[in-house]
């Protein structure tokens, strides 16, 4: 017995379910973490800007009150500006309306001209800020104006450090990574357990099928845990039932073929032995036995040809179909069987009109020949067989009507089975192989035709 191949876990359904569950755990966690960090960053910067704007408003009022834009020597203002610069860990610039820097807490650019979009916006009466996360800087520019005069007299620009916000964001990111790691571990652990539970019914299906194929059980399998497993087991049970039916049919076919071959071979062997041993001295008897040997040999050849033909029809073959004139084929078969009909004292006639069928000439000829031959063999003496070809609802119809012995109702469903005979004794006398109607059925299945039987005994 060949060794069973060990299944790959990476290709298993359990692994795929595990991956899906892990992804479902990771992706939402990453999204939520990013959203929380982004939301915190926006709120932190917004609060910092609001706080800076409030302080700037106070400082702007002080600048106007001390006339700082015209005289920057005010010690009170300078000390407060230095204090703010230290608090925010950055730099403060005071610009007059000529865009000249009159105060730089770093003492670097005083007296220089500063023209930037933020300063221009300030002189339009607008606050402007920009946050740069890479340099960890928050730049805020506010207009300096007197509440008594509706005119901007200068601008105040604060370049503050945002390192505290950045540090908090880094800490949140680290905690987020830690949480995601914990979620991944839990997702893998729970996913493995859940995937095992989910796949267990399919494992039972596999085990039941293996036991069945290894011969440890003969009954049908049933795993109704899921709709899918129920469908799989139902389909397998149907396939199993079909295989059993085919196996029984094969065994029956082999048994029938063996029996059908044994009968003429026994007769041939018996007659040949009598002749060989000289037990028959009369020339007439020898000729009679030689005739029996010839007849049984012909029966063997016919039987073997029918078996071979059935085997060919069982094979899936792509055949080129053509438009075959059914009436012409039927007329040809009627002419061919006239001598056989006369031998059985049966009148064989043809009636019909032009009609065509898609198939091969050989297949159509076999159908007509076997139906007519069967009608002649199982007819009554001085009976008749009428072959008709006509069109009905756009389709070609072949009708073979006879005055034969008829088929009982209980036998009509099996009449097209291989080697099935209604009257076995009569079949032996007529010389039939019991395969003609089976050949007809298989050919019509290949041509997608319909077969209908109407018969009553008597």
Protein backbone atom coordinates (compact mmCIF):
# COMPACT_ATOMS: atom_id res chain seq x y z
CA UNK A 1 0.00 0.00 0.00
CA UNK A 2 1.56 3.35 -1.00
CA UNK A 3 2.58 5.68 1.82
CA UNK A 4 0.16 8.55 2.33
CA UNK A 5 1.59 11.95 1.43
CA UNK A 6 1.85 14.29 4.41
CA UNK A 7 -0.25 17.39 3.71
CA UNK A 8 1.50 20.77 3.70
CA UNK A 9 0.34 23.11 6.49
CA UNK A 10 1.12 26.18 4.36
CA UNK A 11 -1.36 24.97 1.72
CA UNK A 12 -4.05 23.96 4.20
CA UNK A 13 -7.36 25.68 4.83
CA UNK A 14 -6.37 26.05 8.48
CA UNK A 15 -3.33 28.14 7.53
CA UNK A 16 -5.43 30.37 5.26
CA UNK A 17 -8.03 30.92 7.98
CA UNK A 18 -5.20 31.69 10.44
CA UNK A 19 -3.70 34.27 8.06
CA UNK A 20 -7.10 35.91 7.50
CA UNK A 21 -7.75 36.16 11.25
CA UNK A 22 -4.28 37.62 11.88
CA UNK A 23 -4.78 40.18 9.11
CA UNK A 24 -8.21 41.05 10.51
CA UNK A 25 -6.52 41.64 13.87
CA UNK A 26 -3.51 43.62 12.59
CA UNK A 27 -5.09 45.92 9.99
CA UNK A 28 -7.77 47.47 12.26
CA UNK A 29 -5.18 47.84 15.06
CA UNK A 30 -2.76 49.69 12.79
CA UNK A 31 -5.52 51.92 11.45
CA UNK A 32 -6.85 52.76 14.92
CA UNK A 33 -3.31 53.44 16.22
CA UNK A 34 -2.54 55.78 13.32
CA UNK A 35 -5.85 57.57 13.77
CA UNK A 36 -5.28 58.03 17.53
CA UNK A 37 -1.75 59.37 16.98
CA UNK A 38 -2.86 61.69 14.16
CA UNK A 39 -5.80 62.93 16.24
CA UNK A 40 -3.54 63.57 19.24
CA UNK A 41 -1.02 65.43 17.08
CA UNK A 42 -3.72 67.66 15.58
CA UNK A 43 -5.23 68.43 18.99
CA UNK A 44 -1.84 69.03 20.63
CA UNK A 45 -0.73 71.45 17.91
CA UNK A 46 -4.10 73.18 17.90
CA UNK A 47 -3.94 73.66 21.70
CA UNK A 48 -0.34 74.87 21.46
CA UNK A 49 -1.25 77.36 18.73
CA UNK A 50 -4.25 78.60 20.72
CA UNK A 51 -2.08 79.07 23.82
CA UNK A 52 0.58 80.91 21.80
CA UNK A 53 -2.04 83.13 20.14
CA UNK A 54 -3.47 84.14 23.52
CA UNK A 55 -0.01 85.07 24.81
CA UNK A 56 0.79 86.87 21.56
CA UNK A 57 -2.38 88.94 21.87
CA UNK A 58 -1.24 90.05 25.32
CA UNK A 59 2.26 90.80 24.06
CA UNK A 60 0.88 92.75 21.05
CA UNK A 61 -1.15 94.94 23.40
CA UNK A 62 2.03 95.52 25.43
CA UNK A 63 4.00 96.38 22.27
CA UNK A 64 1.40 98.98 21.29
CA UNK A 65 1.21 100.36 24.80
CA UNK A 66 5.02 100.72 25.10
CA UNK A 67 5.31 102.06 21.52
CA UNK A 68 7.83 99.27 21.01
CA UNK A 69 7.64 99.38 17.21
CA UNK A 70 9.12 102.89 17.25
CA UNK A 71 11.38 102.47 20.32
CA UNK A 72 12.64 98.97 21.05
CA UNK A 73 14.55 99.96 24.13
CA UNK A 74 11.72 99.05 26.56
CA UNK A 75 13.28 96.82 29.17
CA UNK A 76 9.90 95.45 30.27
CA UNK A 77 9.05 94.28 26.77
CA UNK A 78 12.50 92.87 26.05
CA UNK A 79 12.52 90.86 29.27
CA UNK A 80 9.12 89.40 28.54
CA UNK A 81 10.18 88.53 24.97
CA UNK A 82 13.28 86.77 26.29
CA UNK A 83 11.14 84.92 28.82
CA UNK A 84 8.71 83.77 26.14
CA UNK A 85 11.60 82.69 23.93
CA UNK A 86 12.97 80.52 26.73
CA UNK A 87 9.54 79.12 27.59
CA UNK A 88 8.86 78.03 24.00
CA UNK A 89 12.45 77.01 23.42
CA UNK A 90 12.58 79.04 20.24
CA UNK A 91 12.97 82.43 18.67
CA UNK A 92 10.83 85.59 18.55
CA UNK A 93 10.97 88.22 15.81
CA UNK A 94 9.26 91.64 15.88
CA UNK A 95 8.75 93.21 12.43
CA UNK A 96 7.56 96.79 11.79
CA UNK A 97 5.36 97.83 8.89
CA UNK A 98 8.47 98.40 6.72
CA UNK A 99 9.23 94.65 7.10
CA UNK A 100 12.31 95.51 9.14
CA UNK A 101 13.24 93.27 12.03
CA UNK A 102 13.43 95.47 15.12
CA UNK A 103 13.81 92.64 17.63
CA UNK A 104 15.36 89.18 17.38
CA UNK A 105 15.66 87.24 20.64
CA UNK A 106 18.65 85.48 19.10
CA UNK A 107 20.19 88.91 18.29
CA UNK A 108 21.18 87.76 14.81
CA UNK A 109 18.91 89.41 12.22
CA UNK A 110 18.00 92.74 13.85
CA UNK A 111 17.85 95.57 11.31
CA UNK A 112 17.38 93.18 8.40
CA UNK A 113 14.33 93.06 6.14
CA UNK A 114 12.02 90.05 6.46
CA UNK A 115 9.58 89.37 3.64
CA UNK A 116 7.69 86.08 3.96
CA UNK A 117 4.19 84.93 3.12
CA UNK A 118 3.31 84.66 6.79
CA UNK A 119 4.36 88.27 7.45
CA UNK A 120 2.45 89.43 4.37
CA UNK A 121 -0.65 87.60 5.65
CA UNK A 122 -0.21 89.30 9.03
CA UNK A 123 -0.32 92.72 7.42
CA UNK A 124 -3.61 91.61 5.88
CA UNK A 125 -4.89 91.07 9.43
CA UNK A 126 -4.63 87.25 9.35
CA UNK A 127 -2.93 84.85 11.76
CA UNK A 128 -0.67 82.27 10.10
CA UNK A 129 1.12 79.21 11.41
CA UNK A 130 3.05 76.25 10.07
CA UNK A 131 3.99 73.03 11.80
CA UNK A 132 7.01 71.05 10.62
CA UNK A 133 7.14 67.61 12.26
CA UNK A 134 10.54 66.81 10.75
CA UNK A 135 12.31 69.83 12.27
CA UNK A 136 10.00 69.80 15.33
CA UNK A 137 9.21 73.49 14.85
CA UNK A 138 5.96 75.43 15.16
CA UNK A 139 6.00 78.85 13.48
CA UNK A 140 3.26 81.37 14.37
CA UNK A 141 2.88 84.88 12.96
CA UNK A 142 0.29 87.34 14.38
CA UNK A 143 -0.43 90.96 13.41
CA UNK A 144 0.42 93.76 15.83
CA UNK A 145 -2.33 96.37 15.77
CA UNK A 146 -3.95 98.87 18.08
CA UNK A 147 -7.58 98.34 18.97
CA UNK A 148 -8.05 102.12 18.46
CA UNK A 149 -6.58 102.21 14.96
CA UNK A 150 -7.84 99.81 12.30
CA UNK A 151 -4.40 99.34 10.79
CA UNK A 152 -1.72 96.69 11.22
CA UNK A 153 1.44 98.31 12.54
CA UNK A 154 3.71 95.29 12.61
CA UNK A 155 4.00 91.56 13.01
CA UNK A 156 5.16 89.20 15.72
CA UNK A 157 6.64 85.81 14.69
CA UNK A 158 7.32 83.03 17.17
CA UNK A 159 9.35 79.99 16.14
CA UNK A 160 8.65 77.55 19.01
CA UNK A 161 9.96 74.06 19.63
CA UNK A 162 7.41 71.20 19.35
CA UNK A 163 9.74 68.59 20.82
CA UNK A 164 7.31 67.85 23.66
CA UNK A 165 4.53 67.01 21.19
CA UNK A 166 6.95 64.97 19.08
CA UNK A 167 8.21 63.08 22.12
CA UNK A 168 4.65 62.25 23.18
CA UNK A 169 3.87 61.06 19.63
CA UNK A 170 6.97 58.83 19.66
CA UNK A 171 5.87 57.40 22.98
CA UNK A 172 2.38 56.76 21.62
CA UNK A 173 3.87 55.09 18.54
CA UNK A 174 5.98 52.79 20.72
CA UNK A 175 2.98 51.87 22.84
CA UNK A 176 0.96 51.36 19.66
CA UNK A 177 3.61 48.97 18.30
CA UNK A 178 3.58 47.10 21.61
CA UNK A 179 -0.22 46.83 21.54
CA UNK A 180 -0.15 45.66 17.90
CA UNK A 181 2.46 43.03 18.83
CA UNK A 182 0.25 41.78 21.65
CA UNK A 183 -2.74 41.70 19.29
CA UNK A 184 -0.70 39.75 16.71
CA UNK A 185 0.29 37.14 19.31
CA UNK A 186 -3.29 36.85 20.56
CA UNK A 187 -4.60 36.72 16.96
CA UNK A 188 -2.17 33.88 16.10
CA UNK A 189 -3.05 31.96 19.27
CA UNK A 190 -6.81 32.44 19.01
CA UNK A 191 -6.70 32.10 15.22
CA UNK A 192 -4.96 28.73 15.49
CA UNK A 193 -7.55 27.48 17.97
CA UNK A 194 -10.47 28.87 15.95
CA UNK A 195 -9.11 27.58 12.64
CA UNK A 196 -8.69 24.13 14.18
CA UNK A 197 -12.30 24.16 15.35
CA UNK A 198 -13.57 25.44 11.99
CA UNK A 199 -11.60 22.89 9.95
CA UNK A 200 -12.40 19.90 12.19
CA UNK A 201 -15.61 18.93 10.28
CA UNK A 202 -13.63 18.89 7.00
CA UNK A 203 -11.00 16.70 8.70
CA UNK A 204 -13.80 14.32 9.69
CA UNK A 205 -14.98 14.26 6.07
CA UNK A 206 -11.44 13.41 4.93
CA UNK A 207 -11.09 10.71 7.58
CA UNK A 208 -14.45 9.17 6.66
CA UNK A 209 -13.54 9.14 2.96
CA UNK A 210 -10.14 7.58 3.71
CA UNK A 211 -11.75 4.90 5.89
CA UNK A 212 -14.24 4.22 3.13
CA UNK A 213 -11.60 3.97 0.41
CA UNK A 214 -9.38 1.80 2.65
CA UNK A 215 -12.27 -0.59 3.24
CA UNK A 216 -12.78 0.09 6.95
CA UNK A 217 -16.43 1.03 6.48
CA UNK A 218 -19.09 0.40 3.88
CA UNK A 219 -21.83 2.77 4.95
CA UNK A 220 -22.44 6.25 3.59
CA UNK A 221 -20.64 9.11 5.32
CA UNK A 222 -22.45 11.97 7.05
CA UNK A 223 -20.91 15.20 8.45
CA UNK A 224 -23.80 17.71 8.71
CA UNK A 225 -21.87 20.31 10.80
CA UNK A 226 -21.80 22.87 7.96
CA UNK A 227 -23.86 23.27 4.81
CA UNK A 228 -20.63 22.84 2.82
CA UNK A 229 -19.67 19.56 4.53
CA UNK A 230 -23.22 18.27 4.07
CA UNK A 231 -23.05 19.11 0.35
CA UNK A 232 -19.63 17.46 0.02
CA UNK A 233 -20.73 14.27 1.78
CA UNK A 234 -23.98 14.13 -0.21
CA UNK A 235 -22.05 14.51 -3.47
CA UNK A 236 -19.54 11.85 -2.37
CA UNK A 237 -22.32 9.47 -1.34
CA UNK A 238 -23.98 9.94 -4.73
CA UNK A 239 -20.66 9.27 -6.45
CA UNK A 240 -20.15 6.22 -4.24
CA UNK A 241 -23.61 4.92 -5.03
CA UNK A 242 -22.93 5.47 -8.73
CA UNK A 243 -19.60 3.65 -8.46
CA UNK A 244 -21.24 0.73 -6.67
CA UNK A 245 -23.91 0.59 -9.35
CA UNK A 246 -21.24 0.67 -12.07
CA UNK A 247 -19.23 -2.01 -10.27
CA UNK A 248 -22.29 -4.22 -9.94
CA UNK A 249 -23.11 -3.56 -13.59
CA UNK A 250 -19.54 -4.43 -14.57
CA UNK A 251 -19.63 -7.66 -12.56
CA UNK A 252 -23.00 -8.54 -14.02
CA UNK A 253 -21.73 -7.70 -17.51
CA UNK A 254 -18.64 -9.89 -17.08
CA UNK A 255 -20.81 -12.71 -15.74
CA UNK A 256 -23.27 -12.39 -18.64
CA UNK A 257 -20.50 -12.24 -21.24
CA UNK A 258 -18.86 -15.30 -19.71
CA UNK A 259 -22.16 -17.16 -19.75
CA UNK A 260 -23.00 -16.07 -23.30
CA UNK A 261 -19.54 -17.12 -24.51
CA UNK A 262 -19.63 -20.40 -22.63
CA UNK A 263 -22.84 -21.67 -24.25
CA UNK A 264 -21.74 -21.61 -27.93
CA UNK A 265 -18.17 -22.61 -27.01
CA UNK A 266 -19.51 -25.65 -25.15
CA UNK A 267 -21.61 -26.60 -28.15
CA UNK A 268 -18.69 -26.14 -30.55
CA UNK A 269 -16.37 -28.15 -28.28
CA UNK A 270 -18.95 -30.95 -27.92
CA UNK A 271 -19.67 -31.28 -31.64
CA UNK A 272 -15.98 -31.10 -32.50
CA UNK A 273 -15.15 -33.80 -29.94
CA UNK A 274 -17.81 -36.12 -31.37
CA UNK A 275 -16.44 -35.67 -34.88
CA UNK A 276 -12.81 -36.03 -33.74
CA UNK A 277 -13.45 -39.27 -31.85
CA UNK A 278 -15.26 -40.81 -34.82
CA UNK A 279 -18.44 -41.26 -32.84
CA UNK A 280 -20.42 -39.91 -35.80
CA UNK A 281 -20.01 -41.92 -38.97
CA UNK A 282 -22.92 -40.67 -41.05
CA UNK A 283 -22.03 -37.93 -43.52
CA UNK A 284 -25.39 -36.28 -42.93
CA UNK A 285 -24.81 -36.13 -39.19
CA UNK A 286 -21.29 -34.77 -39.72
CA UNK A 287 -22.67 -32.05 -42.02
CA UNK A 288 -25.38 -31.24 -39.46
CA UNK A 289 -22.85 -30.93 -36.65
CA UNK A 290 -20.54 -28.86 -38.85
CA UNK A 291 -23.50 -26.58 -39.49
CA UNK A 292 -24.10 -26.28 -35.74
CA UNK A 293 -20.44 -25.44 -35.22
CA UNK A 294 -20.72 -22.79 -37.94
CA UNK A 295 -23.88 -21.32 -36.42
CA UNK A 296 -22.40 -21.14 -32.93
CA UNK A 297 -19.19 -19.63 -34.32
CA UNK A 298 -21.27 -16.98 -36.07
CA UNK A 299 -23.09 -16.31 -32.80
CA UNK A 300 -19.74 -15.91 -31.03
CA UNK A 301 -18.49 -13.47 -33.66
CA UNK A 302 -21.72 -11.43 -33.43
CA UNK A 303 -21.53 -11.37 -29.64
CA UNK A 304 -17.88 -10.28 -29.62
CA UNK A 305 -18.58 -7.55 -32.20
CA UNK A 306 -21.48 -6.23 -30.11
CA UNK A 307 -19.35 -6.21 -26.94
CA UNK A 308 -16.57 -4.34 -28.76
CA UNK A 309 -19.09 -1.84 -30.12
CA UNK A 310 -20.53 -1.20 -26.66
CA UNK A 311 -17.01 -0.62 -25.31
CA UNK A 312 -16.39 1.91 -28.08
CA UNK A 313 -19.65 3.72 -27.23
CA UNK A 314 -18.70 3.83 -23.54
CA UNK A 315 -15.52 5.74 -24.37
CA UNK A 316 -15.65 9.53 -24.57
CA UNK A 317 -14.76 10.26 -28.18
CA UNK A 318 -15.06 13.46 -30.18
CA UNK A 319 -16.87 12.51 -33.35
CA UNK A 320 -17.56 14.72 -36.32
CA UNK A 321 -21.32 14.88 -36.76
CA UNK A 322 -22.99 15.46 -40.10
CA UNK A 323 -26.47 15.84 -41.45
CA UNK A 324 -27.68 12.29 -42.10
CA UNK A 325 -30.82 11.58 -44.19
CA UNK A 326 -32.82 9.41 -41.81
CA UNK A 327 -35.33 8.27 -44.42
CA UNK A 328 -32.56 7.08 -46.77
CA UNK A 329 -30.85 5.12 -43.98
CA UNK A 330 -34.16 3.59 -42.88
CA UNK A 331 -35.03 2.50 -46.42
CA UNK A 332 -31.57 0.93 -46.80
CA UNK A 333 -31.96 -1.03 -43.55
CA UNK A 334 -35.45 -2.24 -44.56
CA UNK A 335 -34.08 -3.55 -47.88
CA UNK A 336 -31.16 -5.21 -46.10
CA UNK A 337 -33.48 -7.01 -43.64
CA UNK A 338 -36.09 -8.15 -46.16
CA UNK A 339 -34.56 -11.65 -46.48
CA UNK A 340 -34.37 -12.00 -42.69
CA UNK A 341 -38.02 -10.88 -42.42
CA UNK A 342 -39.14 -13.41 -45.01
CA UNK A 343 -37.24 -16.15 -43.14
CA UNK A 344 -39.30 -15.32 -40.03
CA UNK A 345 -42.52 -14.96 -42.09
CA UNK A 346 -42.79 -11.25 -41.21
CA UNK A 347 -43.85 -8.46 -43.57
CA UNK A 348 -41.41 -5.52 -43.41
CA UNK A 349 -42.50 -2.17 -44.93
CA UNK A 350 -41.31 1.43 -44.98
CA UNK A 351 -43.30 4.67 -44.92
CA UNK A 352 -41.92 8.14 -44.60
CA UNK A 353 -40.79 11.52 -45.76
CA UNK A 354 -37.48 13.34 -46.00
CA UNK A 355 -36.02 14.03 -42.57
CA UNK A 356 -32.49 14.67 -41.37
CA UNK A 357 -30.66 14.00 -38.11
CA UNK A 358 -27.26 15.14 -36.82
CA UNK A 359 -24.95 12.16 -36.30
CA UNK A 360 -22.81 9.72 -38.24
CA UNK A 361 -24.07 7.41 -40.95
CA UNK A 362 -22.77 4.37 -39.04
CA UNK A 363 -24.54 5.29 -35.79
CA UNK A 364 -27.87 6.07 -37.43
CA UNK A 365 -27.66 2.85 -39.45
CA UNK A 366 -26.97 0.82 -36.29
CA UNK A 367 -29.98 2.34 -34.52
CA UNK A 368 -32.38 1.58 -37.37
CA UNK A 369 -30.93 -1.87 -38.06
CA UNK A 370 -31.03 -3.02 -34.41
CA UNK A 371 -34.57 -1.75 -33.83
CA UNK A 372 -35.87 -3.43 -37.01
CA UNK A 373 -33.91 -6.64 -36.38
CA UNK A 374 -35.30 -6.84 -32.84
CA UNK A 375 -38.86 -6.25 -34.11
CA UNK A 376 -38.45 -9.12 -36.62
CA UNK A 377 -36.90 -11.58 -34.15
CA UNK A 378 -39.60 -11.16 -31.51
CA UNK A 379 -42.58 -11.00 -33.86
CA UNK A 380 -45.36 -13.48 -34.40
CA UNK A 381 -45.58 -15.70 -37.47
CA UNK A 382 -47.22 -13.82 -40.37
CA UNK A 383 -46.74 -10.63 -38.37
CA UNK A 384 -45.65 -7.25 -39.69
CA UNK A 385 -43.08 -4.51 -39.00
CA UNK A 386 -43.69 -0.97 -40.22
CA UNK A 387 -40.85 1.56 -40.23
CA UNK A 388 -41.94 5.22 -40.42
CA UNK A 389 -39.89 8.40 -40.71
CA UNK A 390 -41.56 11.79 -40.27
CA UNK A 391 -41.07 15.22 -38.76
CA UNK A 392 -42.76 16.42 -35.57
CA UNK A 393 -42.24 19.83 -33.95
CA UNK A 394 -39.20 20.42 -36.15
CA UNK A 395 -37.49 17.17 -35.18
CA UNK A 396 -36.94 13.94 -37.10
CA UNK A 397 -38.82 10.91 -35.72
CA UNK A 398 -38.15 7.21 -36.41
CA UNK A 399 -41.01 4.88 -35.50
CA UNK A 400 -40.70 1.08 -35.59
CA UNK A 401 -44.10 -0.56 -35.09
CA UNK A 402 -44.56 -4.34 -34.96
CA UNK A 403 -47.15 -6.97 -34.14
CA UNK A 404 -44.81 -8.87 -31.82
CA UNK A 405 -45.30 -10.66 -28.54
CA UNK A 406 -45.14 -7.43 -26.54
CA UNK A 407 -43.17 -6.52 -23.41
CA UNK A 408 -44.67 -6.69 -19.89
CA UNK A 409 -44.85 -3.38 -18.04
CA UNK A 410 -42.46 -4.50 -15.31
CA UNK A 411 -39.79 -5.36 -17.90
CA UNK A 412 -39.98 -2.18 -19.99
CA UNK A 413 -37.56 -0.18 -17.81
CA UNK A 414 -34.86 -2.88 -18.12
CA UNK A 415 -35.32 -3.83 -21.75
CA UNK A 416 -32.42 -1.58 -22.81
CA UNK A 417 -29.97 -3.09 -20.30
CA UNK A 418 -27.14 -5.27 -21.56
CA UNK A 419 -28.01 -8.97 -21.91
CA UNK A 420 -31.50 -8.42 -20.49
CA UNK A 421 -34.07 -10.71 -22.07
CA UNK A 422 -37.79 -10.88 -21.36
CA UNK A 423 -38.07 -14.48 -22.57
CA UNK A 424 -34.64 -16.10 -22.29
CA UNK A 425 -35.75 -19.32 -24.00
CA UNK A 426 -37.14 -17.48 -27.03
CA UNK A 427 -34.01 -15.30 -27.19
CA UNK A 428 -31.82 -18.38 -27.49
CA UNK A 429 -33.94 -19.66 -30.36
CA UNK A 430 -33.91 -16.36 -32.25
CA UNK A 431 -30.13 -16.05 -31.94
CA UNK A 432 -30.04 -12.60 -30.37
CA UNK A 433 -27.11 -11.49 -28.25
CA UNK A 434 -29.13 -9.31 -25.88
CA UNK A 435 -27.00 -6.27 -26.73
CA UNK A 436 -28.84 -4.73 -29.69
CA UNK A 437 -31.16 -2.46 -27.72
CA UNK A 438 -28.31 -1.52 -25.34
CA UNK A 439 -26.32 -0.34 -28.37
CA UNK A 440 -29.36 1.66 -29.54
CA UNK A 441 -29.64 3.36 -26.13
CA UNK A 442 -25.94 4.28 -25.98
CA UNK A 443 -25.92 5.70 -29.51
CA UNK A 444 -28.98 7.87 -28.87
CA UNK A 445 -27.36 9.13 -25.64
CA UNK A 446 -24.31 10.15 -27.66
CA UNK A 447 -26.49 11.89 -30.25
CA UNK A 448 -28.71 13.47 -27.53
CA UNK A 449 -31.75 11.75 -28.96
CA UNK A 450 -34.85 10.45 -27.20
CA UNK A 451 -36.00 6.84 -26.92
CA UNK A 452 -39.61 5.98 -26.19
CA UNK A 453 -41.18 2.54 -25.76
CA UNK A 454 -44.88 1.78 -26.02
CA UNK A 455 -45.79 -1.90 -25.70
CA UNK A 456 -48.41 -4.25 -24.27
CA UNK A 457 -48.13 -8.06 -24.05
CA UNK A 458 -50.23 -10.15 -26.42
